[in-house]
N, C-alpha and C. Protein backbone atom coordinates (compact mmCIF):
# COMPACT_ATOMS: atom_id res chain seq x y z
N UNK A 1 0.85 -1.20 0.00
CA UNK A 1 0.00 0.00 0.00
C UNK A 1 0.88 1.24 0.00
N UNK A 2 0.58 2.14 -0.87
CA UNK A 2 1.35 3.38 -0.97
C UNK A 2 0.76 4.44 -0.05
N UNK A 3 1.65 5.17 0.57
CA UNK A 3 1.22 6.26 1.44
C UNK A 3 1.28 7.57 0.68
N UNK A 4 0.17 8.22 0.56
CA UNK A 4 0.14 9.55 -0.05
C UNK A 4 -0.82 10.41 0.76
N UNK A 5 -0.59 11.68 0.80
CA UNK A 5 0.55 12.42 0.26
C UNK A 5 1.79 12.29 1.15
N UNK A 6 2.92 12.65 0.59
CA UNK A 6 4.17 12.67 1.36
C UNK A 6 4.92 13.97 1.07
N UNK A 7 5.83 14.28 1.96
CA UNK A 7 6.63 15.50 1.80
C UNK A 7 7.68 15.37 0.71
N UNK A 8 7.96 14.16 0.25
CA UNK A 8 8.95 14.01 -0.82
C UNK A 8 8.40 14.47 -2.17
N UNK A 9 7.08 14.53 -2.31
CA UNK A 9 6.48 15.04 -3.54
C UNK A 9 6.52 16.56 -3.49
N UNK A 10 7.24 17.17 -4.42
CA UNK A 10 7.46 18.62 -4.35
C UNK A 10 6.16 19.42 -4.45
N UNK A 11 5.21 19.00 -5.26
CA UNK A 11 3.94 19.74 -5.37
C UNK A 11 3.17 19.68 -4.05
N UNK A 12 3.16 18.51 -3.43
CA UNK A 12 2.48 18.35 -2.13
C UNK A 12 3.17 19.20 -1.07
N UNK A 13 4.49 19.12 -1.05
CA UNK A 13 5.26 19.89 -0.06
C UNK A 13 5.06 21.39 -0.26
N UNK A 14 5.12 21.85 -1.51
CA UNK A 14 4.93 23.28 -1.78
C UNK A 14 3.55 23.76 -1.38
N UNK A 15 2.53 22.95 -1.61
CA UNK A 15 1.17 23.32 -1.21
C UNK A 15 1.06 23.40 0.31
N UNK A 16 1.71 22.48 1.01
CA UNK A 16 1.68 22.49 2.47
C UNK A 16 2.41 23.73 3.00
N UNK A 17 3.57 24.01 2.43
CA UNK A 17 4.35 25.19 2.84
C UNK A 17 3.54 26.46 2.60
N UNK A 18 2.85 26.55 1.47
CA UNK A 18 2.03 27.73 1.18
C UNK A 18 0.95 27.91 2.25
N UNK A 19 0.38 26.82 2.73
CA UNK A 19 -0.62 26.91 3.81
C UNK A 19 0.02 27.40 5.11
N UNK A 20 1.23 26.94 5.39
CA UNK A 20 1.93 27.40 6.60
C UNK A 20 2.24 28.88 6.47
N UNK A 21 2.75 29.30 5.34
CA UNK A 21 3.11 30.70 5.11
C UNK A 21 1.87 31.60 5.23
N UNK A 22 0.72 31.08 4.87
CA UNK A 22 -0.51 31.88 4.93
C UNK A 22 -1.06 32.04 6.35
N UNK A 23 -0.52 31.30 7.32
CA UNK A 23 -0.99 31.43 8.70
C UNK A 23 -0.73 32.84 9.22
N UNK A 24 -1.61 33.31 10.07
CA UNK A 24 -1.48 34.63 10.68
C UNK A 24 -1.44 34.48 12.20
N UNK A 25 -0.75 35.37 12.89
CA UNK A 25 -0.62 35.25 14.35
C UNK A 25 -1.95 35.37 15.09
N UNK A 26 -2.94 35.96 14.47
CA UNK A 26 -4.23 36.11 15.14
C UNK A 26 -5.24 35.03 14.73
N UNK A 27 -4.76 33.96 14.08
CA UNK A 27 -5.65 32.89 13.65
C UNK A 27 -6.34 32.27 14.87
N UNK A 28 -7.61 32.00 14.71
CA UNK A 28 -8.40 31.42 15.79
C UNK A 28 -8.43 29.91 15.63
N UNK A 29 -8.19 29.21 16.71
CA UNK A 29 -8.23 27.75 16.65
C UNK A 29 -9.68 27.28 16.54
N UNK A 30 -9.86 26.18 15.84
CA UNK A 30 -11.19 25.61 15.67
C UNK A 30 -11.45 24.53 16.71
N UNK A 31 -10.39 24.01 17.32
CA UNK A 31 -10.52 23.04 18.42
C UNK A 31 -9.22 23.04 19.19
N UNK A 32 -9.24 22.39 20.34
CA UNK A 32 -8.04 22.24 21.16
C UNK A 32 -7.76 23.44 22.03
N UNK A 33 -6.59 23.40 22.67
CA UNK A 33 -6.21 24.43 23.64
C UNK A 33 -5.01 25.26 23.23
N UNK A 34 -4.25 24.79 22.23
CA UNK A 34 -3.03 25.49 21.85
C UNK A 34 -3.32 26.81 21.14
N UNK A 35 -2.44 27.76 21.37
CA UNK A 35 -2.43 28.97 20.55
C UNK A 35 -1.71 28.62 19.25
N UNK A 36 -1.77 29.49 18.29
CA UNK A 36 -1.08 29.21 17.04
C UNK A 36 0.44 29.15 17.24
N UNK A 37 0.97 29.97 18.14
CA UNK A 37 2.41 29.92 18.43
C UNK A 37 2.77 28.58 19.07
N UNK A 38 1.94 28.11 20.00
CA UNK A 38 2.19 26.81 20.62
C UNK A 38 2.10 25.69 19.60
N UNK A 39 1.18 25.80 18.65
CA UNK A 39 1.05 24.78 17.61
C UNK A 39 2.32 24.72 16.78
N UNK A 40 2.87 25.86 16.41
CA UNK A 40 4.10 25.88 15.62
C UNK A 40 5.25 25.25 16.41
N UNK A 41 5.34 25.53 17.70
CA UNK A 41 6.36 24.91 18.56
C UNK A 41 6.15 23.39 18.59
N UNK A 42 4.93 22.96 18.80
CA UNK A 42 4.58 21.54 18.87
C UNK A 42 4.99 20.80 17.60
N UNK A 43 4.64 21.35 16.46
CA UNK A 43 4.96 20.71 15.18
C UNK A 43 6.48 20.68 14.98
N UNK A 44 7.15 21.78 15.29
CA UNK A 44 8.61 21.83 15.14
C UNK A 44 9.29 20.77 16.01
N UNK A 45 8.87 20.66 17.26
CA UNK A 45 9.46 19.66 18.16
C UNK A 45 9.23 18.25 17.63
N UNK A 46 8.04 18.00 17.13
CA UNK A 46 7.73 16.68 16.59
C UNK A 46 8.59 16.37 15.37
N UNK A 47 8.79 17.33 14.48
CA UNK A 47 9.67 17.12 13.33
C UNK A 47 11.10 16.84 13.81
N UNK A 48 11.54 17.54 14.82
CA UNK A 48 12.92 17.38 15.31
C UNK A 48 13.18 15.98 15.86
N UNK A 49 12.14 15.29 16.33
CA UNK A 49 12.29 13.92 16.79
C UNK A 49 12.74 13.03 15.63
N UNK A 50 12.16 13.24 14.47
CA UNK A 50 12.52 12.43 13.30
C UNK A 50 14.00 12.56 12.95
N UNK A 51 14.57 13.73 13.19
CA UNK A 51 15.98 13.97 12.88
C UNK A 51 16.91 13.54 14.00
N UNK A 52 16.35 13.25 15.17
CA UNK A 52 17.18 12.93 16.33
C UNK A 52 17.67 14.17 17.06
N UNK A 53 17.17 15.35 16.67
CA UNK A 53 17.57 16.60 17.33
C UNK A 53 16.93 16.71 18.71
N UNK A 54 15.78 16.11 18.87
CA UNK A 54 15.06 16.08 20.14
C UNK A 54 14.84 14.61 20.48
N UNK A 55 15.13 14.26 21.70
CA UNK A 55 14.90 12.87 22.10
C UNK A 55 13.62 12.80 22.91
N UNK A 56 12.90 11.75 22.66
CA UNK A 56 11.66 11.50 23.40
C UNK A 56 11.60 10.01 23.69
N UNK A 57 11.28 9.69 24.90
CA UNK A 57 11.18 8.29 25.29
C UNK A 57 10.07 7.62 24.48
N UNK A 58 10.40 6.46 23.93
CA UNK A 58 9.38 5.73 23.18
C UNK A 58 8.29 5.26 24.13
N UNK A 59 7.06 5.60 23.79
CA UNK A 59 5.92 5.22 24.62
C UNK A 59 4.92 4.40 23.80
N UNK A 60 5.45 3.73 22.78
CA UNK A 60 4.56 2.96 21.92
C UNK A 60 4.17 1.65 22.59
N UNK A 61 3.10 1.10 22.10
CA UNK A 61 2.61 -0.20 22.56
C UNK A 61 2.28 -1.02 21.31
N UNK A 62 1.97 -2.27 21.49
CA UNK A 62 1.58 -3.09 20.35
C UNK A 62 0.39 -2.45 19.64
N UNK A 63 -0.56 -1.96 20.39
CA UNK A 63 -1.77 -1.33 19.80
C UNK A 63 -1.40 -0.08 19.00
N UNK A 64 -0.54 0.78 19.56
CA UNK A 64 -0.19 2.01 18.83
C UNK A 64 0.66 1.71 17.61
N UNK A 65 1.53 0.69 17.67
CA UNK A 65 2.39 0.35 16.54
C UNK A 65 1.65 -0.40 15.43
N UNK A 66 0.65 -1.19 15.77
CA UNK A 66 0.03 -2.06 14.78
C UNK A 66 -1.42 -1.74 14.44
N UNK A 67 -2.13 -1.10 15.32
CA UNK A 67 -3.54 -0.80 15.06
C UNK A 67 -3.73 0.69 14.80
N UNK A 68 -3.37 1.51 15.77
CA UNK A 68 -3.56 2.96 15.62
C UNK A 68 -2.73 3.49 14.46
N UNK A 69 -1.52 2.99 14.32
CA UNK A 69 -0.65 3.41 13.22
C UNK A 69 -1.30 3.14 11.86
N UNK A 70 -1.88 1.97 11.69
CA UNK A 70 -2.54 1.65 10.42
C UNK A 70 -3.69 2.61 10.15
N UNK A 71 -4.46 2.89 11.16
CA UNK A 71 -5.59 3.82 10.99
C UNK A 71 -5.06 5.22 10.70
N UNK A 72 -4.09 5.67 11.50
CA UNK A 72 -3.58 7.04 11.35
C UNK A 72 -2.90 7.26 10.00
N UNK A 73 -2.27 6.22 9.46
CA UNK A 73 -1.51 6.38 8.23
C UNK A 73 -2.31 6.02 6.98
N UNK A 74 -3.25 5.10 7.10
CA UNK A 74 -3.91 4.59 5.89
C UNK A 74 -5.39 4.94 5.79
N UNK A 75 -6.01 5.41 6.85
CA UNK A 75 -7.44 5.76 6.77
C UNK A 75 -7.63 6.93 5.81
N UNK A 76 -8.68 6.89 5.01
CA UNK A 76 -8.89 7.94 4.01
C UNK A 76 -9.60 9.18 4.54
N UNK A 77 -9.47 9.43 5.81
CA UNK A 77 -10.09 10.61 6.40
C UNK A 77 -9.09 11.31 7.32
N UNK A 78 -9.32 12.60 7.61
CA UNK A 78 -8.39 13.36 8.45
C UNK A 78 -8.34 12.81 9.88
N UNK A 79 -7.25 13.11 10.55
CA UNK A 79 -7.15 12.72 11.95
C UNK A 79 -8.23 13.42 12.76
N UNK A 80 -8.72 12.76 13.80
CA UNK A 80 -9.78 13.37 14.61
C UNK A 80 -9.27 14.56 15.43
N UNK A 81 -10.19 15.42 15.76
CA UNK A 81 -9.87 16.58 16.60
C UNK A 81 -9.65 16.13 18.04
N UNK A 82 -8.84 16.90 18.76
CA UNK A 82 -8.61 16.70 20.19
C UNK A 82 -8.04 15.33 20.54
N UNK A 83 -7.21 14.80 19.66
CA UNK A 83 -6.53 13.54 19.97
C UNK A 83 -5.50 13.76 21.07
N UNK A 84 -5.06 12.69 21.70
CA UNK A 84 -4.08 12.83 22.78
C UNK A 84 -2.72 13.27 22.25
N UNK A 85 -2.00 14.02 23.06
CA UNK A 85 -0.65 14.48 22.74
C UNK A 85 0.29 13.94 23.80
N UNK A 86 1.40 13.37 23.38
CA UNK A 86 2.38 12.90 24.36
C UNK A 86 2.89 14.10 25.16
N UNK A 87 3.05 13.95 26.48
CA UNK A 87 3.44 15.09 27.33
C UNK A 87 4.64 15.91 26.86
N UNK A 88 5.73 15.29 26.35
CA UNK A 88 6.86 16.14 25.93
C UNK A 88 6.54 17.10 24.78
N UNK A 89 5.45 16.83 24.06
CA UNK A 89 5.08 17.66 22.91
C UNK A 89 3.82 18.47 23.15
N UNK A 90 3.32 18.41 24.36
CA UNK A 90 2.10 19.14 24.72
C UNK A 90 2.50 20.56 25.12
N UNK A 91 2.30 21.50 24.22
CA UNK A 91 2.72 22.88 24.45
C UNK A 91 1.95 23.53 25.60
N UNK A 92 0.72 23.13 25.83
CA UNK A 92 -0.06 23.69 26.94
C UNK A 92 0.54 23.21 28.26
N UNK A 93 0.92 21.95 28.32
CA UNK A 93 1.52 21.37 29.52
C UNK A 93 2.96 21.85 29.72
N UNK A 94 3.75 21.86 28.65
CA UNK A 94 5.17 22.21 28.75
C UNK A 94 5.42 23.71 28.92
N UNK A 95 4.50 24.52 28.43
CA UNK A 95 4.63 25.98 28.50
C UNK A 95 6.02 26.45 28.03
N UNK A 96 6.37 26.13 26.78
CA UNK A 96 7.69 26.53 26.29
C UNK A 96 7.81 28.04 26.18
N UNK A 97 9.03 28.53 26.37
CA UNK A 97 9.28 29.95 26.14
C UNK A 97 9.28 30.13 24.62
N UNK A 98 8.31 30.82 24.12
CA UNK A 98 8.16 30.98 22.68
C UNK A 98 8.75 32.28 22.20
N UNK A 99 9.40 32.20 21.07
CA UNK A 99 9.91 33.40 20.43
C UNK A 99 8.72 34.29 20.09
N UNK A 100 8.78 35.53 20.48
CA UNK A 100 7.67 36.45 20.24
C UNK A 100 7.49 36.76 18.75
N UNK A 101 8.49 36.46 17.97
CA UNK A 101 8.44 36.75 16.55
C UNK A 101 7.72 35.62 15.81
N UNK A 102 6.45 35.83 15.51
CA UNK A 102 5.63 34.82 14.84
C UNK A 102 6.24 34.39 13.52
N UNK A 103 6.74 35.35 12.76
CA UNK A 103 7.33 35.03 11.46
C UNK A 103 8.51 34.09 11.61
N UNK A 104 9.28 34.26 12.69
CA UNK A 104 10.43 33.38 12.92
C UNK A 104 9.96 31.96 13.25
N UNK A 105 8.94 31.84 14.09
CA UNK A 105 8.39 30.51 14.41
C UNK A 105 7.89 29.82 13.15
N UNK A 106 7.18 30.55 12.34
CA UNK A 106 6.63 30.00 11.10
C UNK A 106 7.77 29.59 10.16
N UNK A 107 8.80 30.41 10.06
CA UNK A 107 9.95 30.10 9.20
C UNK A 107 10.67 28.83 9.65
N UNK A 108 10.76 28.63 10.94
CA UNK A 108 11.38 27.41 11.47
C UNK A 108 10.61 26.19 10.98
N UNK A 109 9.29 26.23 11.06
CA UNK A 109 8.48 25.10 10.61
C UNK A 109 8.67 24.87 9.11
N UNK A 110 8.69 25.92 8.32
CA UNK A 110 8.91 25.79 6.88
C UNK A 110 10.27 25.15 6.61
N UNK A 111 11.29 25.59 7.33
CA UNK A 111 12.63 25.02 7.16
C UNK A 111 12.64 23.54 7.52
N UNK A 112 11.95 23.16 8.59
CA UNK A 112 11.91 21.76 9.02
C UNK A 112 11.14 20.89 8.03
N UNK A 113 10.12 21.42 7.41
CA UNK A 113 9.39 20.67 6.38
C UNK A 113 10.35 20.35 5.22
N UNK A 114 11.11 21.34 4.80
CA UNK A 114 12.09 21.12 3.73
C UNK A 114 13.16 20.13 4.13
N UNK A 115 13.62 20.25 5.35
CA UNK A 115 14.65 19.34 5.86
C UNK A 115 14.12 17.90 5.91
N UNK A 116 12.86 17.77 6.31
CA UNK A 116 12.26 16.44 6.40
C UNK A 116 12.18 15.80 5.02
N UNK A 117 11.88 16.60 4.02
CA UNK A 117 11.75 16.08 2.66
C UNK A 117 13.09 15.61 2.09
N UNK A 118 14.19 16.18 2.59
CA UNK A 118 15.52 15.88 2.06
C UNK A 118 16.22 14.74 2.78
N UNK A 119 15.76 14.39 3.96
CA UNK A 119 16.49 13.48 4.81
C UNK A 119 15.87 12.09 4.85
N UNK A 120 16.68 11.07 4.84
CA UNK A 120 16.18 9.70 4.97
C UNK A 120 16.11 9.35 6.45
N UNK A 121 14.90 9.12 6.93
CA UNK A 121 14.69 8.81 8.34
C UNK A 121 14.33 7.35 8.57
N UNK A 122 14.66 6.51 7.62
CA UNK A 122 14.34 5.08 7.69
C UNK A 122 14.72 4.51 9.05
N UNK A 123 13.74 3.94 9.74
CA UNK A 123 13.98 3.28 11.02
C UNK A 123 13.99 4.19 12.22
N UNK A 124 13.95 5.51 12.02
CA UNK A 124 13.90 6.41 13.18
C UNK A 124 12.63 6.09 13.98
N UNK A 125 12.74 6.22 15.27
CA UNK A 125 11.65 5.80 16.16
C UNK A 125 10.74 6.98 16.49
N UNK A 126 9.48 6.82 16.15
CA UNK A 126 8.45 7.79 16.57
C UNK A 126 8.03 7.39 17.98
N UNK A 127 7.90 8.34 18.91
CA UNK A 127 7.61 7.97 20.29
C UNK A 127 6.27 7.25 20.50
N UNK A 128 5.32 7.41 19.61
CA UNK A 128 4.02 6.75 19.76
C UNK A 128 3.85 5.59 18.79
N UNK A 129 4.31 5.75 17.55
CA UNK A 129 4.11 4.73 16.52
C UNK A 129 5.26 3.74 16.41
N UNK A 130 6.37 3.99 17.10
CA UNK A 130 7.52 3.10 17.02
C UNK A 130 8.36 3.39 15.78
N UNK A 131 9.23 2.45 15.40
CA UNK A 131 10.08 2.66 14.21
C UNK A 131 9.23 2.83 12.95
N UNK A 132 9.59 3.83 12.13
CA UNK A 132 8.85 4.10 10.90
C UNK A 132 9.78 3.99 9.71
N UNK A 133 9.20 3.61 8.59
CA UNK A 133 9.96 3.64 7.34
C UNK A 133 10.10 5.09 6.90
N UNK A 134 10.99 5.31 5.95
CA UNK A 134 11.15 6.67 5.41
C UNK A 134 9.82 7.18 4.85
N UNK A 135 9.13 6.33 4.09
CA UNK A 135 7.85 6.73 3.50
C UNK A 135 6.82 7.07 4.58
N UNK A 136 6.82 6.29 5.66
CA UNK A 136 5.88 6.58 6.76
C UNK A 136 6.20 7.92 7.41
N UNK A 137 7.48 8.22 7.61
CA UNK A 137 7.86 9.51 8.18
C UNK A 137 7.41 10.65 7.27
N UNK A 138 7.60 10.49 5.97
CA UNK A 138 7.23 11.54 5.02
C UNK A 138 5.71 11.76 4.99
N UNK A 139 4.97 10.68 5.12
CA UNK A 139 3.50 10.78 5.17
C UNK A 139 3.07 11.37 6.51
N UNK A 140 3.66 10.87 7.60
CA UNK A 140 3.34 11.42 8.92
C UNK A 140 3.62 12.92 8.96
N UNK A 141 4.75 13.34 8.38
CA UNK A 141 5.10 14.76 8.37
C UNK A 141 4.03 15.60 7.70
N UNK A 142 3.46 15.08 6.61
CA UNK A 142 2.37 15.79 5.95
C UNK A 142 1.10 15.74 6.78
N UNK A 143 0.72 14.56 7.25
CA UNK A 143 -0.56 14.41 7.98
C UNK A 143 -0.57 15.24 9.27
N UNK A 144 0.54 15.23 9.99
CA UNK A 144 0.59 15.97 11.25
C UNK A 144 0.43 17.47 11.01
N UNK A 145 1.17 17.98 10.02
CA UNK A 145 1.05 19.41 9.71
C UNK A 145 -0.33 19.74 9.17
N UNK A 146 -0.88 18.92 8.30
CA UNK A 146 -2.22 19.14 7.77
C UNK A 146 -3.25 19.18 8.90
N UNK A 147 -3.13 18.29 9.84
CA UNK A 147 -4.04 18.25 10.99
C UNK A 147 -4.04 19.59 11.72
N UNK A 148 -2.85 20.11 11.99
CA UNK A 148 -2.78 21.37 12.74
C UNK A 148 -3.11 22.58 11.87
N UNK A 149 -2.88 22.51 10.59
CA UNK A 149 -3.33 23.60 9.72
C UNK A 149 -4.86 23.65 9.69
N UNK A 150 -5.51 22.51 9.65
CA UNK A 150 -6.97 22.49 9.72
C UNK A 150 -7.45 23.04 11.07
N UNK A 151 -6.68 22.79 12.10
CA UNK A 151 -7.02 23.32 13.44
C UNK A 151 -7.10 24.83 13.42
N UNK A 152 -6.24 25.44 12.62
CA UNK A 152 -6.20 26.91 12.54
C UNK A 152 -6.65 27.43 11.19
N UNK A 153 -7.46 26.64 10.51
CA UNK A 153 -8.05 27.00 9.22
C UNK A 153 -7.04 27.33 8.15
N UNK A 154 -5.88 26.73 8.25
CA UNK A 154 -4.83 27.01 7.27
C UNK A 154 -4.86 26.04 6.12
């Protein structure tokens, strides 16, 4: 089974980046508790796990690796609203010191999307889904960002 869309496809990646660039600091969330700045931090931290820049203890289980992963990656519908967030990536819980410059936060996410598309992350461990193939990481990178862009109408 092929995973689409992925960040390795330049048209898909460019469309996703355009949605990120279109975000505004006063965007209203449609669900959840994060501010748009917290969302950008959350997504950036999650991308950094794929690169090994941020370490997170693996908290996967057989169910998350084999059942939830299949649904999250292969279901033909968007991820549900208000899903659980692992504590290290929960911006509301972690209360990270955020750069006040919204444009800088947004630029970091855009840079990480590009970096993700260029890097082979085969076998890197996702803290919830366990080890992922390169294709799974590229699809996850798109789905995760798409989920949060929909959260802020992006």
